[in-house]
Amino acid sequence: LYFSAQDGILIFYHIKELQYEMKICADISQPISSLIFSPDYTSLLLVTDQGTVYSYKPAHSGEAVKLLDTSSSCFLAADFLTPGNNYCVSVTISGEVQVWSLEDGTFLSKLNLGIEVHV
């Protein structure tokens, strides 16, 4: 079970029967608004409401890597663009949909929906 609190710390709980272990996986020092697993469960996106997206690979147990920083107060959400784990799509409240490379955080494309978006 992966969990994050308002302090920006990603925590993993390994639960087996009535026992559990807690492990701190990453500290990004920004409140995490959502956690999204890739379709093959090899990567985890950590999304902040400030517009920063980090990648964490549970099998490698390393630090979270900053993929992109939209630096937008209008940032609403992000998710993997399937199939595969190579691209991420984000959306702003103003209705701008953006596509990013997860390899290096390169901005690839955008589409303006022309409407305000809500979750």
N, C-alpha and C. Protein backbone atom coordinates (compact mmCIF):
# COMPACT_ATOMS: atom_id res chain seq x y z
N LEU A 1 0.85 -1.17 0.00
CA LEU A 1 0.00 0.00 0.00
C LEU A 1 0.89 1.23 0.00
N TYR A 2 0.72 2.11 -1.00
CA TYR A 2 1.45 3.37 -1.03
C TYR A 2 0.54 4.47 -0.53
N PHE A 3 1.11 5.38 0.23
CA PHE A 3 0.35 6.42 0.91
C PHE A 3 1.18 7.69 0.90
N SER A 4 0.51 8.83 0.81
CA SER A 4 1.23 10.09 0.94
C SER A 4 0.43 11.03 1.82
N ALA A 5 1.15 11.80 2.59
CA ALA A 5 0.52 12.78 3.47
C ALA A 5 0.76 14.18 2.90
N GLN A 6 0.18 15.17 3.54
CA GLN A 6 0.31 16.55 3.07
C GLN A 6 1.74 17.08 3.11
N ASP A 7 2.62 16.40 3.81
CA ASP A 7 4.00 16.88 3.92
C ASP A 7 4.88 16.46 2.75
N GLY A 8 4.33 15.73 1.77
CA GLY A 8 5.09 15.36 0.58
C GLY A 8 5.93 14.11 0.72
N ILE A 9 5.63 13.29 1.71
CA ILE A 9 6.39 12.06 1.93
C ILE A 9 5.59 10.87 1.38
N LEU A 10 6.26 10.07 0.54
CA LEU A 10 5.66 8.85 0.01
C LEU A 10 6.03 7.71 0.93
N ILE A 11 5.02 7.01 1.43
CA ILE A 11 5.22 5.92 2.39
C ILE A 11 4.67 4.62 1.80
N PHE A 12 5.39 3.54 2.04
CA PHE A 12 4.95 2.21 1.61
C PHE A 12 4.67 1.37 2.85
N TYR A 13 3.49 0.76 2.90
CA TYR A 13 3.13 -0.17 3.96
C TYR A 13 3.10 -1.57 3.36
N HIS A 14 3.98 -2.44 3.87
CA HIS A 14 3.96 -3.85 3.48
C HIS A 14 3.11 -4.57 4.53
N ILE A 15 1.97 -5.07 4.11
CA ILE A 15 1.03 -5.70 5.03
C ILE A 15 0.98 -7.20 4.76
N LYS A 16 1.20 -7.98 5.81
CA LYS A 16 1.12 -9.44 5.70
C LYS A 16 0.42 -9.95 6.94
N GLU A 17 -0.76 -10.52 6.70
CA GLU A 17 -1.62 -11.01 7.76
C GLU A 17 -1.89 -9.89 8.77
N LEU A 18 -1.49 -10.04 10.03
CA LEU A 18 -1.76 -9.02 11.03
C LEU A 18 -0.54 -8.13 11.30
N GLN A 19 0.52 -8.32 10.53
CA GLN A 19 1.75 -7.55 10.70
C GLN A 19 1.91 -6.56 9.55
N TYR A 20 2.62 -5.48 9.81
CA TYR A 20 2.95 -4.54 8.74
C TYR A 20 4.29 -3.88 9.00
N GLU A 21 4.93 -3.47 7.92
CA GLU A 21 6.16 -2.70 7.97
C GLU A 21 5.93 -1.39 7.24
N MET A 22 6.49 -0.32 7.74
CA MET A 22 6.36 0.98 7.09
C MET A 22 7.74 1.42 6.60
N LYS A 23 7.77 1.93 5.36
CA LYS A 23 9.03 2.39 4.79
C LYS A 23 8.79 3.74 4.12
N ILE A 24 9.64 4.71 4.43
CA ILE A 24 9.57 6.00 3.74
C ILE A 24 10.34 5.85 2.43
N CYS A 25 9.65 6.08 1.32
CA CYS A 25 10.24 5.88 0.00
C CYS A 25 10.85 7.14 -0.58
N ALA A 26 10.17 8.27 -0.41
CA ALA A 26 10.64 9.52 -1.01
C ALA A 26 10.06 10.70 -0.26
N ASP A 27 10.79 11.80 -0.30
CA ASP A 27 10.33 13.05 0.30
C ASP A 27 10.49 14.13 -0.76
N ILE A 28 9.39 14.61 -1.32
CA ILE A 28 9.47 15.63 -2.37
C ILE A 28 9.20 17.03 -1.84
N SER A 29 8.89 17.14 -0.57
CA SER A 29 8.71 18.44 0.11
C SER A 29 7.62 19.31 -0.50
N GLN A 30 6.67 18.72 -1.16
CA GLN A 30 5.49 19.40 -1.67
C GLN A 30 4.30 18.48 -1.41
N PRO A 31 3.15 19.03 -1.05
CA PRO A 31 1.98 18.18 -0.86
C PRO A 31 1.64 17.40 -2.13
N ILE A 32 1.48 16.09 -2.00
CA ILE A 32 1.15 15.23 -3.13
C ILE A 32 -0.37 15.16 -3.26
N SER A 33 -0.88 15.53 -4.44
CA SER A 33 -2.33 15.53 -4.64
C SER A 33 -2.84 14.20 -5.17
N SER A 34 -1.99 13.45 -5.91
CA SER A 34 -2.43 12.14 -6.38
C SER A 34 -1.25 11.24 -6.70
N LEU A 35 -1.51 9.94 -6.61
CA LEU A 35 -0.56 8.89 -6.93
C LEU A 35 -1.18 8.05 -8.04
N ILE A 36 -0.46 7.84 -9.13
CA ILE A 36 -1.00 7.08 -10.26
C ILE A 36 0.01 6.04 -10.69
N PHE A 37 -0.37 4.76 -10.67
CA PHE A 37 0.49 3.70 -11.16
C PHE A 37 0.41 3.61 -12.67
N SER A 38 1.54 3.25 -13.29
CA SER A 38 1.56 2.99 -14.72
C SER A 38 0.75 1.72 -14.98
N PRO A 39 0.31 1.52 -16.23
CA PRO A 39 -0.51 0.33 -16.54
C PRO A 39 0.17 -0.99 -16.17
N ASP A 40 1.52 -1.05 -16.21
CA ASP A 40 2.21 -2.29 -15.86
C ASP A 40 2.75 -2.28 -14.43
N TYR A 41 2.38 -1.26 -13.66
CA TYR A 41 2.75 -1.12 -12.25
C TYR A 41 4.25 -1.03 -11.99
N THR A 42 5.02 -0.58 -12.96
CA THR A 42 6.47 -0.43 -12.76
C THR A 42 6.85 0.98 -12.32
N SER A 43 5.99 1.95 -12.57
CA SER A 43 6.25 3.34 -12.21
C SER A 43 5.05 3.94 -11.49
N LEU A 44 5.36 4.89 -10.65
CA LEU A 44 4.32 5.60 -9.91
C LEU A 44 4.52 7.09 -10.14
N LEU A 45 3.48 7.77 -10.62
CA LEU A 45 3.55 9.22 -10.77
C LEU A 45 3.09 9.86 -9.47
N LEU A 46 3.86 10.82 -8.99
CA LEU A 46 3.50 11.61 -7.82
C LEU A 46 3.18 13.00 -8.34
N VAL A 47 1.95 13.42 -8.19
CA VAL A 47 1.50 14.68 -8.77
C VAL A 47 1.19 15.66 -7.64
N THR A 48 1.73 16.89 -7.77
CA THR A 48 1.44 17.92 -6.79
C THR A 48 0.47 18.92 -7.40
N ASP A 49 -0.26 19.61 -6.56
CA ASP A 49 -1.21 20.60 -7.09
C ASP A 49 -0.50 21.88 -7.54
N GLN A 50 0.81 21.98 -7.33
CA GLN A 50 1.58 23.11 -7.83
C GLN A 50 2.04 22.90 -9.26
N GLY A 51 1.76 21.71 -9.82
CA GLY A 51 2.12 21.45 -11.21
C GLY A 51 3.42 20.70 -11.40
N THR A 52 3.91 20.03 -10.38
CA THR A 52 5.12 19.24 -10.49
C THR A 52 4.76 17.76 -10.51
N VAL A 53 5.41 17.01 -11.41
CA VAL A 53 5.17 15.57 -11.52
C VAL A 53 6.50 14.85 -11.32
N TYR A 54 6.49 13.88 -10.41
CA TYR A 54 7.67 13.07 -10.11
C TYR A 54 7.39 11.62 -10.50
N SER A 55 8.44 10.89 -10.79
CA SER A 55 8.33 9.46 -11.07
C SER A 55 9.06 8.70 -9.98
N TYR A 56 8.44 7.62 -9.52
CA TYR A 56 9.08 6.75 -8.53
C TYR A 56 8.94 5.32 -9.04
N LYS A 57 10.05 4.59 -9.06
CA LYS A 57 10.03 3.20 -9.52
C LYS A 57 10.19 2.29 -8.30
N PRO A 58 9.10 1.67 -7.85
CA PRO A 58 9.15 0.85 -6.63
C PRO A 58 10.20 -0.26 -6.67
N ALA A 59 10.43 -0.88 -7.80
CA ALA A 59 11.40 -1.98 -7.88
C ALA A 59 12.83 -1.50 -7.66
N HIS A 60 13.10 -0.23 -7.95
CA HIS A 60 14.45 0.30 -7.81
C HIS A 60 14.69 0.95 -6.45
N SER A 61 13.62 1.24 -5.72
CA SER A 61 13.69 1.83 -4.39
C SER A 61 14.61 3.06 -4.32
N GLY A 62 14.63 3.82 -5.38
CA GLY A 62 15.44 5.03 -5.40
C GLY A 62 14.61 6.24 -5.02
N GLU A 63 15.17 7.40 -5.25
CA GLU A 63 14.46 8.64 -4.98
C GLU A 63 13.46 8.93 -6.09
N ALA A 64 12.49 9.75 -5.78
CA ALA A 64 11.56 10.22 -6.80
C ALA A 64 12.30 11.21 -7.69
N VAL A 65 12.07 11.10 -8.99
CA VAL A 65 12.75 11.94 -9.97
C VAL A 65 11.75 12.94 -10.54
N LYS A 66 12.12 14.22 -10.50
CA LYS A 66 11.24 15.25 -11.05
C LYS A 66 11.21 15.12 -12.57
N LEU A 67 10.00 14.91 -13.11
CA LEU A 67 9.84 14.75 -14.54
C LEU A 67 9.50 16.07 -15.21
N LEU A 68 8.57 16.79 -14.62
CA LEU A 68 8.16 18.04 -15.22
C LEU A 68 7.63 18.98 -14.16
N ASP A 69 7.74 20.24 -14.46
CA ASP A 69 7.26 21.27 -13.56
C ASP A 69 6.54 22.31 -14.40
N THR A 70 5.22 22.23 -14.40
CA THR A 70 4.45 23.17 -15.21
C THR A 70 4.37 24.52 -14.53
N SER A 71 4.75 24.58 -13.25
CA SER A 71 4.74 25.84 -12.47
C SER A 71 3.45 26.62 -12.69
N SER A 72 2.36 25.91 -12.68
CA SER A 72 1.08 26.55 -12.96
C SER A 72 0.13 26.36 -11.80
N SER A 73 -0.42 27.44 -11.31
CA SER A 73 -1.41 27.33 -10.24
C SER A 73 -2.73 26.77 -10.79
N CYS A 74 -2.81 26.66 -12.13
CA CYS A 74 -4.02 26.15 -12.78
C CYS A 74 -3.94 24.64 -13.00
N PHE A 75 -2.84 24.01 -12.60
CA PHE A 75 -2.63 22.58 -12.81
C PHE A 75 -3.69 21.78 -12.07
N LEU A 76 -4.27 20.80 -12.75
CA LEU A 76 -5.35 20.03 -12.15
C LEU A 76 -4.99 18.56 -11.93
N ALA A 77 -4.47 17.89 -12.97
CA ALA A 77 -4.20 16.45 -12.84
C ALA A 77 -3.24 15.98 -13.92
N ALA A 78 -2.70 14.76 -13.72
CA ALA A 78 -1.84 14.12 -14.71
C ALA A 78 -2.08 12.62 -14.65
N ASP A 79 -1.75 11.94 -15.75
CA ASP A 79 -1.89 10.49 -15.80
C ASP A 79 -1.00 9.97 -16.92
N PHE A 80 -0.77 8.65 -16.91
CA PHE A 80 -0.02 8.02 -17.98
C PHE A 80 -0.87 8.02 -19.25
N LEU A 81 -0.21 8.19 -20.38
CA LEU A 81 -0.88 8.10 -21.68
C LEU A 81 -0.59 6.70 -22.19
N THR A 82 -1.61 5.88 -22.23
CA THR A 82 -1.43 4.47 -22.57
C THR A 82 -1.67 4.24 -24.05
N PRO A 83 -1.15 3.17 -24.63
CA PRO A 83 -0.41 2.10 -23.97
C PRO A 83 1.03 2.50 -23.68
N GLY A 84 1.64 1.79 -22.77
CA GLY A 84 3.03 2.03 -22.42
C GLY A 84 3.21 2.97 -21.25
N ASN A 85 4.48 3.25 -20.95
CA ASN A 85 4.84 4.11 -19.82
C ASN A 85 5.71 5.28 -20.27
N ASN A 86 5.66 5.64 -21.54
CA ASN A 86 6.59 6.63 -22.07
C ASN A 86 6.07 8.06 -22.03
N TYR A 87 4.76 8.23 -21.91
CA TYR A 87 4.19 9.57 -22.00
C TYR A 87 3.21 9.84 -20.87
N CYS A 88 3.09 11.11 -20.57
CA CYS A 88 2.19 11.58 -19.52
C CYS A 88 1.30 12.66 -20.12
N VAL A 89 0.06 12.70 -19.70
CA VAL A 89 -0.85 13.76 -20.12
C VAL A 89 -1.27 14.54 -18.88
N SER A 90 -1.30 15.85 -18.98
CA SER A 90 -1.73 16.69 -17.87
C SER A 90 -2.82 17.63 -18.37
N VAL A 91 -3.57 18.17 -17.42
CA VAL A 91 -4.63 19.11 -17.78
C VAL A 91 -4.64 20.25 -16.77
N THR A 92 -4.93 21.43 -17.26
CA THR A 92 -5.06 22.60 -16.39
C THR A 92 -6.54 22.92 -16.23
N ILE A 93 -6.84 23.72 -15.22
CA ILE A 93 -8.23 24.12 -14.97
C ILE A 93 -8.79 24.86 -16.18
N SER A 94 -7.94 25.61 -16.88
CA SER A 94 -8.40 26.38 -18.04
C SER A 94 -8.70 25.50 -19.26
N GLY A 95 -8.40 24.20 -19.19
CA GLY A 95 -8.74 23.28 -20.28
C GLY A 95 -7.61 22.99 -21.25
N GLU A 96 -6.38 23.27 -20.86
CA GLU A 96 -5.25 22.95 -21.73
C GLU A 96 -4.75 21.55 -21.39
N VAL A 97 -4.78 20.65 -22.38
CA VAL A 97 -4.29 19.28 -22.24
C VAL A 97 -2.88 19.26 -22.83
N GLN A 98 -1.92 18.73 -22.04
CA GLN A 98 -0.52 18.73 -22.46
C GLN A 98 0.03 17.31 -22.44
N VAL A 99 0.90 17.00 -23.39
CA VAL A 99 1.55 15.69 -23.45
C VAL A 99 3.04 15.90 -23.21
N TRP A 100 3.61 15.04 -22.33
CA TRP A 100 5.00 15.14 -21.91
C TRP A 100 5.70 13.80 -22.09
N SER A 101 6.99 13.82 -22.37
CA SER A 101 7.80 12.61 -22.39
C SER A 101 8.19 12.29 -20.95
N LEU A 102 8.02 11.05 -20.54
CA LEU A 102 8.42 10.65 -19.19
C LEU A 102 9.90 10.33 -19.10
N GLU A 103 10.58 10.21 -20.23
CA GLU A 103 12.01 9.96 -20.21
C GLU A 103 12.78 11.16 -19.67
N ASP A 104 12.43 12.34 -20.17
CA ASP A 104 13.20 13.52 -19.80
C ASP A 104 12.34 14.74 -19.48
N GLY A 105 11.02 14.59 -19.45
CA GLY A 105 10.14 15.69 -19.11
C GLY A 105 9.92 16.68 -20.24
N THR A 106 10.28 16.30 -21.45
CA THR A 106 10.12 17.19 -22.61
C THR A 106 8.65 17.40 -22.93
N PHE A 107 8.28 18.66 -23.12
CA PHE A 107 6.93 19.01 -23.54
C PHE A 107 6.79 18.64 -25.01
N LEU A 108 5.74 17.89 -25.37
CA LEU A 108 5.58 17.40 -26.74
C LEU A 108 4.43 18.06 -27.50
N SER A 109 3.31 18.28 -26.82
CA SER A 109 2.14 18.77 -27.53
C SER A 109 1.12 19.32 -26.56
N LYS A 110 0.20 20.13 -27.09
CA LYS A 110 -0.90 20.62 -26.26
C LYS A 110 -2.14 20.81 -27.10
N LEU A 111 -3.27 20.78 -26.43
CA LEU A 111 -4.56 20.99 -27.06
C LEU A 111 -5.40 21.80 -26.10
N ASN A 112 -5.97 22.89 -26.58
CA ASN A 112 -6.82 23.71 -25.73
C ASN A 112 -8.28 23.31 -25.97
N LEU A 113 -8.94 22.82 -24.91
CA LEU A 113 -10.32 22.38 -25.03
C LEU A 113 -11.32 23.53 -25.11
N GLY A 114 -10.88 24.70 -24.70
CA GLY A 114 -11.75 25.88 -24.77
C GLY A 114 -12.82 25.92 -23.69
N ILE A 115 -12.71 25.09 -22.67
CA ILE A 115 -13.66 25.08 -21.55
C ILE A 115 -12.88 24.89 -20.25
N GLU A 116 -13.49 25.31 -19.16
CA GLU A 116 -12.89 25.10 -17.84
C GLU A 116 -13.11 23.65 -17.44
N VAL A 117 -12.10 23.05 -16.80
CA VAL A 117 -12.14 21.64 -16.43
C VAL A 117 -12.23 21.52 -14.91
N HIS A 118 -13.03 20.56 -14.44
CA HIS A 118 -13.16 20.28 -13.01
C HIS A 118 -13.04 18.78 -12.79
N VAL A 119 -12.55 18.40 -11.62
CA VAL A 119 -12.45 16.97 -11.29
C VAL A 119 -13.64 16.59 -10.46
